[in-house]
Amino acid sequence: MRVFIPSQLQSYSGGATHVEAAGSTIDEVLIDLDQRYPGIRFRIVDEQDRIRRHMRIFVGREAARDVRAALTSGDEIMIFGALSGG
């Protein structure tokens, strides 16, 4: 499964903008990523396994609301950090 990594998390992925990961749910993919890039999952998901409010995850063109969402072979996951400013 191809996972696109936002710029603010690329320090965890060794600068990679996209990586491959395995899993049948978003959470399994994040756990797989965290095994190779320790700490990345905690930046995306909080202690209650909810997507952090400043992070967005898309599976294809659909926004994911729950890390338990099922994935199918060939899905692409895009992780985005919310932008803010004043």
Protein backbone atom coordinates (compact mmCIF):
# COMPACT_ATOMS: atom_id res chain seq x y z
CA MET A 1 0.00 0.00 0.00
CA ARG A 2 1.42 3.39 -0.92
CA VAL A 3 1.35 6.02 1.83
CA PHE A 4 2.05 9.69 1.14
CA ILE A 5 3.88 11.39 4.01
CA PRO A 6 3.37 15.12 4.69
CA SER A 7 6.38 17.40 4.99
CA GLN A 8 5.96 17.82 8.76
CA LEU A 9 6.37 14.03 9.25
CA GLN A 10 9.16 13.42 6.76
CA SER A 11 11.76 13.67 9.50
CA TYR A 12 10.33 10.35 10.77
CA SER A 13 10.42 8.73 7.33
CA GLY A 14 14.01 9.70 6.62
CA GLY A 15 12.85 12.40 4.22
CA ALA A 16 10.73 10.07 2.09
CA THR A 17 7.59 11.66 0.65
CA HIS A 18 5.92 8.30 0.14
CA VAL A 19 6.52 4.83 1.53
CA GLU A 20 5.04 1.36 1.23
CA ALA A 21 3.18 -0.21 4.16
CA ALA A 22 1.03 -3.27 4.80
CA GLY A 23 -2.32 -3.65 6.52
CA SER A 24 -6.00 -4.30 6.03
CA THR A 25 -7.07 -1.20 8.02
CA ILE A 26 -5.66 2.30 8.35
CA ASP A 27 -4.50 1.47 11.88
CA GLU A 28 -2.63 -1.64 10.72
CA VAL A 29 -0.87 0.47 8.10
CA LEU A 30 0.05 3.08 10.73
CA ILE A 31 1.35 0.35 13.05
CA ASP A 32 3.44 -1.05 10.20
CA LEU A 33 4.82 2.43 9.52
CA ASP A 34 5.58 2.93 13.21
CA GLN A 35 7.61 -0.27 13.32
CA ARG A 36 9.91 1.14 10.62
CA TYR A 37 9.62 4.82 11.58
CA PRO A 38 9.21 4.93 15.38
CA GLY A 39 7.03 7.76 16.63
CA ILE A 40 5.20 8.51 13.39
CA ARG A 41 1.90 6.90 14.46
CA PHE A 42 1.68 8.99 17.64
CA ARG A 43 1.91 12.16 15.53
CA ILE A 44 -1.14 11.03 13.55
CA VAL A 45 -3.27 9.20 16.14
CA ASP A 46 -3.91 10.12 19.79
CA GLU A 47 -3.97 7.90 22.89
CA GLN A 48 -7.62 6.95 22.24
CA ASP A 49 -6.80 5.77 18.69
CA ARG A 50 -8.52 8.77 17.12
CA ILE A 51 -7.07 10.71 14.23
CA ARG A 52 -5.63 13.89 15.71
CA ARG A 53 -7.75 16.96 14.96
CA HIS A 54 -4.93 18.66 13.09
CA MET A 55 -4.30 15.62 10.86
CA ARG A 56 -6.30 14.35 7.88
CA ILE A 57 -6.14 10.92 6.28
CA PHE A 58 -7.53 10.21 2.84
CA VAL A 59 -7.96 6.80 1.27
CA GLY A 60 -8.04 7.62 -2.40
CA ARG A 61 -10.32 10.67 -2.55
CA GLU A 62 -12.35 9.80 0.54
CA ALA A 63 -11.61 11.35 3.93
CA ALA A 64 -11.16 8.73 6.65
CA ARG A 65 -12.79 9.40 10.00
CA ASP A 66 -11.73 6.23 11.82
CA VAL A 67 -8.46 4.30 11.88
CA ARG A 68 -10.48 1.07 11.85
CA ALA A 69 -11.58 1.79 8.27
CA ALA A 70 -10.96 -1.18 5.99
CA LEU A 71 -8.59 -0.95 3.07
CA THR A 72 -8.44 -2.85 -0.18
CA SER A 73 -5.47 -3.87 -2.24
CA GLY A 74 -4.18 -0.97 -4.28
CA ASP A 75 -5.57 1.79 -2.03
CA GLU A 76 -3.40 4.86 -1.62
CA ILE A 77 -3.30 6.63 1.71
CA MET A 78 -2.55 10.32 1.92
CA ILE A 79 -1.77 11.93 5.25
CA PHE A 80 -2.06 15.69 5.58
CA GLY A 81 -1.35 18.10 8.38
CA ALA A 82 -3.85 20.91 8.77
CA LEU A 83 -2.53 24.36 7.97
CA SER A 84 -3.17 27.29 10.24
CA GLY A 85 -2.08 30.83 10.53
CA GLY A 86 -3.23 34.26 11.33
